[in-house]
Amino acid sequence: MKNNLEYAILNLESARILGGLWGAIIGDALGVPVEFMSREEVRRNPVTGMRGYGTFNLPPGSWSDDSSLILCTVESLLDGFDTTSMGELFIRWLTEGHWTPHGNTFDVGASTMSSIGRMMREVSPEEAGGRGENENGNGSLMRILPIGIFFSRKPVEERLNYVHRASSLTHRHPRTLMACGVYCLMVSALLQGFTPDEAYLYALEQAAIYYAKLPYAEELPHFERLFSTLISSVSETNIKSGGYVIHTLEASIWCLLNTSSFQDAVLKAVNLGEDTDTTGCVTGGLAGLYYGLEAVPKEWIYALARKDDIGNLFKRLTSKITEA
C-alpha cells in the first residue's frame, strides 16, 4: 500500500496546496517546545529542527491548537463551507480532544475559549467571536489558511467574505478580519505562482481597495507599517512576535520575504521567540505554498504526531479542490 505521505505525480497546484498545509503544521510543531520563551532565551539554544518537551513537555512532532483548528477547518470543508459544521468541530476539539496530537486539548487562547463557549450556548457561530478591542489576538489568523486555499479562485470580494465569516467564529473585530483577509490574499497569489514580493504587493493592492470602506477604513492606521510595502526592510529588533494579530501577520510576511527556502523561513519565525507556534504556523503556510511540498523536509513531516491521519485529510481536501 502506498504511504499516505507519498503522492505519485503532483501537479503544481497540488504541490503548493500540500506544501502550505503541511508547512503550517510543521511550523506549529517546531514552535511548540519554545513557546513563551523570549527571543533572547531562544537565541541561547536556537531551534534547528524538530525537537520535543520544553514548554509543554510533549514529544517531538507535537502540534498545538493552531494545527488542531486548521485540521478541524479542513475536515469541515470536505462537505463545503458551513460555519455550523465548522463550529461543531471546534466544540469537539475543545471538549473531546478531536484533532489533537495526543488526545488532550492544551494551550487554548482566552478569546477562542470564550467564543466556543458561546457556540455551546447556541449562539450562532458567525456571531460567537468577540468584537472587543482586546480581542485582536491571532487565534483566527492561525487557522485561516484552509479557507484562503479553498476559495483562492473566487473573486476578491467573495473570497474575503468567506474569510471574514470563518474568522468570526472566534474573532469578529474588523482589525482581525482585515489581517485574515490580507493573509488570504497572499495565499491566493502564492497559489497562482507569484513570488513572495509579488504576492505581498498584490495583497496590499487588493486590500487597499476592499478595506477603504467602513468599518475597515478606521482600522487602516494599524496596518500602516505593513501597507508601506517596506516590511521586509524592518530590522529584526523591530519585528514583534507576540499574540497580537498585527504582529503575527507582520512577522510571518517578514520571515517569508527575508529568506530563500522553506526551512529558513520557518526557523526564522520560531526563533523570534514568544508566540513561536503561531508565528511558525502562519509563516509555514505561506512558505509551503511558495516552495511547494518537495521543499518541506520529509524528516519533519515523518516526525509529526498522527502524520498518516493528517496525510489522508490533506489528500482529500486537495483532491476536492483540484478536481473541482
Protein backbone atom coordinates (compact mmCIF):
# COMPACT_ATOMS: atom_id res chain seq x y z
CA MET A 1 0.00 0.00 0.00
CA LYS A 2 1.32 3.45 -0.91
CA ASN A 3 2.26 5.58 2.10
CA ASN A 4 -0.17 8.43 2.68
CA LEU A 5 2.73 10.89 2.51
CA GLU A 6 3.75 9.78 -0.98
CA TYR A 7 1.85 11.25 -3.89
CA ALA A 8 2.65 9.75 -7.29
CA ILE A 9 2.65 12.76 -9.63
CA LEU A 10 1.63 16.08 -8.16
CA ASN A 11 0.58 18.89 -10.41
CA LEU A 12 1.89 22.28 -9.40
CA GLU A 13 -1.32 23.38 -7.69
CA SER A 14 -1.47 20.22 -5.58
CA ALA A 15 2.18 20.58 -4.61
CA ARG A 16 1.57 24.13 -3.46
CA ILE A 17 -1.60 23.29 -1.54
CA LEU A 18 0.03 20.35 0.23
CA GLY A 19 3.17 22.36 0.87
CA GLY A 20 1.13 25.08 2.54
CA LEU A 21 -0.94 22.74 4.68
CA TRP A 22 1.98 20.60 5.81
CA GLY A 23 4.09 23.72 6.21
CA ALA A 24 1.65 25.23 8.69
CA ILE A 25 1.56 22.09 10.86
CA ILE A 26 5.35 21.83 10.81
CA GLY A 27 5.81 25.48 11.73
CA ASP A 28 3.48 24.98 14.66
CA ALA A 29 5.25 21.81 15.86
CA LEU A 30 8.67 23.44 15.58
CA GLY A 31 7.48 26.27 17.79
CA VAL A 32 5.64 24.32 20.49
CA PRO A 33 8.70 23.38 22.60
CA VAL A 34 9.86 27.02 22.87
CA GLU A 35 6.52 28.80 23.12
CA PHE A 36 6.51 31.76 25.54
CA MET A 37 10.31 31.90 25.64
CA SER A 38 11.80 35.32 24.97
CA ARG A 39 13.86 35.99 21.87
CA GLU A 40 16.98 36.11 23.99
CA GLU A 41 16.19 32.74 25.61
CA VAL A 42 15.60 31.08 22.25
CA ARG A 43 18.82 32.53 20.84
CA ARG A 44 20.80 30.77 23.53
CA ASN A 45 19.53 27.44 22.19
CA PRO A 46 18.01 28.14 18.77
CA VAL A 47 15.59 25.78 17.09
CA THR A 48 17.30 23.98 14.20
CA GLY A 49 14.93 21.04 13.72
CA MET A 50 12.06 19.09 15.22
CA ARG A 51 12.59 18.70 18.95
CA GLY A 52 10.36 17.98 21.90
CA TYR A 53 9.49 18.56 25.53
CA GLY A 54 10.29 22.12 26.57
CA THR A 55 7.31 24.35 27.37
CA PHE A 56 4.58 21.69 27.37
CA ASN A 57 6.74 18.60 27.98
CA LEU A 58 5.47 16.93 24.80
CA PRO A 59 7.38 14.59 22.46
CA PRO A 60 8.83 15.85 19.17
CA GLY A 61 6.28 16.43 16.44
CA SER A 62 3.53 17.58 18.80
CA TRP A 63 1.40 20.42 17.45
CA SER A 64 -0.87 22.87 19.23
CA ASP A 65 -4.34 24.38 18.98
CA ASP A 66 -3.24 26.17 15.81
CA SER A 67 -2.98 22.93 13.87
CA SER A 68 -5.95 21.34 15.60
CA LEU A 69 -8.21 24.14 14.38
CA ILE A 70 -6.65 24.07 10.91
CA LEU A 71 -7.43 20.34 10.76
CA CYS A 72 -10.98 20.90 12.01
CA THR A 73 -11.41 23.55 9.32
CA VAL A 74 -10.10 21.23 6.63
CA GLU A 75 -12.46 18.49 7.77
CA SER A 76 -15.42 20.86 7.64
CA LEU A 77 -14.54 22.00 4.10
CA LEU A 78 -14.77 18.46 2.76
CA ASP A 79 -18.55 18.97 2.73
CA GLY A 80 -18.36 22.59 1.59
CA PHE A 81 -18.38 25.84 3.56
CA ASP A 82 -20.69 25.54 6.56
CA THR A 83 -19.88 27.52 9.69
CA THR A 84 -22.29 25.45 11.76
CA SER A 85 -20.36 22.28 10.91
CA MET A 86 -17.09 24.11 11.48
CA GLY A 87 -18.28 25.31 14.88
CA GLU A 88 -19.35 21.81 15.88
CA LEU A 89 -15.87 20.51 15.08
CA PHE A 90 -14.31 23.31 17.14
CA ILE A 91 -16.51 22.26 20.05
CA ARG A 92 -15.43 18.63 19.62
CA TRP A 93 -11.81 19.75 19.67
CA LEU A 94 -12.27 21.68 22.90
CA THR A 95 -14.40 19.13 24.73
CA GLU A 96 -13.25 15.78 23.27
CA GLY A 97 -9.71 16.40 22.04
CA HIS A 98 -10.74 15.99 18.38
CA TRP A 99 -7.76 16.58 16.08
CA THR A 100 -5.28 16.90 18.90
CA PRO A 101 -1.88 15.18 18.65
CA HIS A 102 -2.25 13.03 21.77
CA GLY A 103 -5.96 13.20 22.71
CA ASN A 104 -5.71 16.20 25.01
CA THR A 105 -6.53 19.84 24.31
CA PHE A 106 -3.98 22.32 25.62
CA ASP A 107 -2.89 25.95 25.27
CA VAL A 108 -6.32 27.36 24.36
CA GLY A 109 -6.50 31.13 23.85
CA ALA A 110 -8.92 33.08 26.00
CA SER A 111 -10.89 34.55 23.08
CA THR A 112 -11.16 31.16 21.39
CA MET A 113 -12.30 29.55 24.63
CA SER A 114 -14.95 32.22 25.21
CA SER A 115 -16.22 32.06 21.64
CA ILE A 116 -16.57 28.29 21.61
CA GLY A 117 -18.35 28.57 24.94
CA ARG A 118 -20.85 30.91 23.30
CA MET A 119 -21.37 28.42 20.47
CA MET A 120 -22.03 25.73 23.08
CA ARG A 121 -24.73 28.02 24.47
CA GLU A 122 -26.25 28.04 20.98
CA VAL A 123 -25.05 31.43 19.83
CA SER A 124 -24.84 31.45 16.02
CA PRO A 125 -21.27 30.50 15.05
CA GLU A 126 -20.78 33.62 12.94
CA GLU A 127 -21.80 35.78 15.90
CA ALA A 128 -19.78 33.90 18.51
CA GLY A 129 -16.45 35.65 18.07
CA GLY A 130 -15.50 38.58 20.25
CA ARG A 131 -15.56 42.11 18.82
CA GLY A 132 -13.74 43.99 21.57
CA GLU A 133 -10.54 45.95 21.09
CA ASN A 134 -8.74 43.50 23.37
CA GLU A 135 -9.86 40.53 21.25
CA ASN A 136 -7.48 41.12 18.37
CA GLY A 137 -5.32 38.13 19.11
CA ASN A 138 -4.06 35.80 16.38
CA GLY A 139 -6.47 32.96 17.15
CA SER A 140 -8.31 33.10 13.83
CA LEU A 141 -5.31 34.07 11.69
CA MET A 142 -3.57 30.89 12.85
CA ARG A 143 -6.34 28.69 11.41
CA ILE A 144 -7.49 30.65 8.33
CA LEU A 145 -5.12 29.07 5.78
CA PRO A 146 -7.53 26.35 4.54
CA ILE A 147 -10.19 28.98 3.84
CA GLY A 148 -7.73 31.02 1.78
CA ILE A 149 -6.74 27.92 -0.17
CA PHE A 150 -10.28 26.62 -0.67
CA PHE A 151 -11.62 29.89 -2.07
CA SER A 152 -8.47 31.09 -3.85
CA ARG A 153 -10.16 31.04 -7.26
CA LYS A 154 -13.12 33.16 -6.19
CA PRO A 155 -13.37 36.90 -6.92
CA VAL A 156 -11.76 39.03 -4.21
CA GLU A 157 -15.00 40.26 -2.65
CA GLU A 158 -16.47 36.77 -2.42
CA ARG A 159 -13.17 35.34 -1.18
CA LEU A 160 -12.88 37.86 1.63
CA ASN A 161 -16.49 37.34 2.63
CA TYR A 162 -15.77 33.67 3.31
CA VAL A 163 -12.57 34.56 5.17
CA HIS A 164 -14.39 37.04 7.41
CA ARG A 165 -17.19 34.61 8.14
CA ALA A 166 -14.73 31.87 9.12
CA SER A 167 -12.74 34.22 11.34
CA SER A 168 -15.93 35.36 13.06
CA LEU A 169 -16.37 32.04 14.84
CA THR A 170 -13.73 33.20 17.31
CA HIS A 171 -12.64 36.72 16.29
CA ARG A 172 -15.02 39.32 14.78
CA HIS A 173 -13.21 42.61 15.30
CA PRO A 174 -12.70 44.38 11.93
CA ARG A 175 -8.94 44.56 12.50
CA THR A 176 -8.64 40.81 12.79
CA LEU A 177 -10.92 40.27 9.80
CA MET A 178 -8.61 42.53 7.79
CA ALA A 179 -5.49 40.69 8.95
CA CYS A 180 -7.01 37.37 7.90
CA GLY A 181 -8.04 38.96 4.60
CA VAL A 182 -4.55 40.25 3.80
CA TYR A 183 -3.07 36.85 4.64
CA CYS A 184 -5.54 35.00 2.42
CA LEU A 185 -4.95 37.42 -0.45
CA MET A 186 -1.28 36.45 -0.22
CA VAL A 187 -2.31 32.78 -0.10
CA SER A 188 -4.22 33.07 -3.36
CA ALA A 189 -1.36 34.92 -5.06
CA LEU A 190 1.24 32.36 -3.98
CA LEU A 191 -1.02 29.57 -5.27
CA GLN A 192 -1.05 31.33 -8.64
CA GLY A 193 2.75 31.28 -8.75
CA PHE A 194 3.52 34.83 -7.64
CA THR A 195 6.85 35.38 -5.93
CA PRO A 196 6.67 36.39 -2.25
CA ASP A 197 7.31 40.05 -3.13
CA GLU A 198 4.67 39.97 -5.85
CA ALA A 199 2.17 38.23 -3.55
CA TYR A 200 2.77 40.82 -0.83
CA LEU A 201 2.19 43.73 -3.22
CA TYR A 202 -0.89 42.05 -4.72
CA ALA A 203 -2.38 41.53 -1.27
CA LEU A 204 -1.81 45.15 -0.31
CA GLU A 205 -3.29 46.47 -3.55
CA GLN A 206 -6.43 44.38 -3.26
CA ALA A 207 -6.80 45.03 0.46
CA ALA A 208 -6.44 48.79 -0.02
CA ILE A 209 -9.39 48.73 -2.41
CA TYR A 210 -11.64 46.41 -0.42
CA TYR A 211 -10.92 47.86 3.01
CA ALA A 212 -11.35 51.50 2.02
CA LYS A 213 -14.94 51.33 3.29
CA LEU A 214 -16.23 51.42 6.85
CA PRO A 215 -15.79 49.87 9.35
CA TYR A 216 -12.45 48.73 7.94
CA ALA A 217 -11.17 52.16 6.92
CA GLU A 218 -10.99 53.16 10.57
CA GLU A 219 -8.55 50.31 11.18
CA LEU A 220 -6.11 51.19 8.41
CA PRO A 221 -3.72 53.13 10.71
CA HIS A 222 -2.96 49.85 12.48
CA PHE A 223 -1.72 48.44 9.16
CA GLU A 224 0.39 51.47 8.26
CA ARG A 225 3.75 49.72 8.53
CA LEU A 226 2.57 46.68 6.60
CA PHE A 227 0.92 48.80 3.89
CA SER A 228 4.08 50.88 3.44
CA THR A 229 5.40 47.99 1.27
CA LEU A 230 8.65 48.20 3.23
CA ILE A 231 8.04 45.50 5.85
CA SER A 232 10.96 43.42 4.56
CA SER A 233 13.42 46.20 5.41
CA VAL A 234 12.35 46.46 9.06
CA SER A 235 15.08 45.29 11.42
CA GLU A 236 14.51 42.09 13.37
CA THR A 237 14.67 44.12 16.58
CA ASN A 238 11.51 45.93 15.50
CA ILE A 239 9.59 42.81 14.48
CA LYS A 240 7.34 41.71 17.33
CA SER A 241 6.30 38.09 17.77
CA GLY A 242 3.65 38.04 20.48
CA GLY A 243 -0.01 37.11 20.19
CA TYR A 244 -1.37 40.36 18.68
CA VAL A 245 -2.78 39.66 15.22
CA ILE A 246 -0.96 42.55 13.50
CA HIS A 247 2.36 41.45 14.97
CA THR A 248 1.87 37.86 13.80
CA LEU A 249 0.89 38.97 10.30
CA GLU A 250 3.87 41.30 10.03
CA ALA A 251 6.31 38.74 11.41
CA SER A 252 5.16 35.96 9.09
CA ILE A 253 5.40 38.12 5.97
CA TRP A 254 8.76 39.48 7.14
CA CYS A 255 10.12 35.95 7.59
CA LEU A 256 8.92 34.90 4.13
CA LEU A 257 10.40 37.97 2.42
CA ASN A 258 13.75 37.74 4.19
CA THR A 259 14.57 34.10 3.48
CA SER A 260 15.10 31.94 0.40
CA SER A 261 13.89 28.49 1.49
CA PHE A 262 11.03 26.88 3.38
CA GLN A 263 13.34 25.68 6.11
CA ASP A 264 14.94 29.06 6.66
CA ALA A 265 11.57 30.82 6.76
CA VAL A 266 10.01 28.65 9.47
CA LEU A 267 13.17 28.52 11.56
CA LYS A 268 13.49 32.30 11.41
CA ALA A 269 9.87 32.51 12.57
CA VAL A 270 10.12 30.23 15.59
CA ASN A 271 13.45 31.71 16.64
CA LEU A 272 11.79 35.10 17.05
CA GLY A 273 10.52 33.77 20.38
CA GLU A 274 7.27 34.43 22.31
CA ASP A 275 4.26 33.08 20.37
CA THR A 276 6.51 30.71 18.48
CA ASP A 277 3.95 28.09 17.48
CA THR A 278 1.64 30.59 15.82
CA THR A 279 4.35 32.65 14.13
CA GLY A 280 5.79 29.37 12.85
CA CYS A 281 2.39 28.12 11.73
CA VAL A 282 1.39 31.27 9.86
CA THR A 283 4.82 31.58 8.24
CA GLY A 284 4.91 27.89 7.39
CA GLY A 285 1.65 28.17 5.50
CA LEU A 286 2.96 30.95 3.26
CA ALA A 287 6.40 29.39 2.76
CA GLY A 288 4.95 25.97 1.98
CA LEU A 289 2.65 27.44 -0.64
CA TYR A 290 5.52 29.18 -2.37
CA TYR A 291 8.20 26.50 -2.20
CA GLY A 292 5.86 23.52 -2.55
CA LEU A 293 5.72 20.11 -0.91
CA GLU A 294 9.10 18.98 -2.25
CA ALA A 295 10.82 21.77 -0.32
CA VAL A 296 9.35 20.68 3.02
CA PRO A 297 11.89 18.46 4.83
CA LYS A 298 10.48 14.95 4.82
CA GLU A 299 12.08 14.16 8.17
CA TRP A 300 9.99 16.93 9.69
CA ILE A 301 6.80 15.50 8.21
CA TYR A 302 7.65 11.99 9.39
CA ALA A 303 8.27 13.31 12.90
CA LEU A 304 4.76 14.71 13.24
CA ALA A 305 2.21 13.07 15.50
CA ARG A 306 -0.66 11.45 13.56
CA LYS A 307 1.06 12.09 10.24
CA ASP A 308 -0.96 9.42 8.42
CA ASP A 309 -4.28 10.82 9.66
CA ILE A 310 -3.17 14.28 8.59
CA GLY A 311 -1.97 12.99 5.23
CA ASN A 312 -5.33 11.35 4.49
CA LEU A 313 -7.20 14.53 5.39
CA PHE A 314 -4.97 16.77 3.28
CA LYS A 315 -5.16 14.40 0.32
CA ARG A 316 -8.96 14.51 0.43
CA LEU A 317 -9.11 18.30 0.51
CA THR A 318 -6.52 18.67 -2.23
CA SER A 319 -8.44 16.26 -4.46
CA LYS A 320 -11.66 18.17 -3.84
CA ILE A 321 -10.04 21.46 -4.83
CA THR A 322 -8.02 20.33 -7.83
CA GLU A 323 -10.80 18.18 -9.29
CA ALA A 324 -13.43 20.90 -9.00
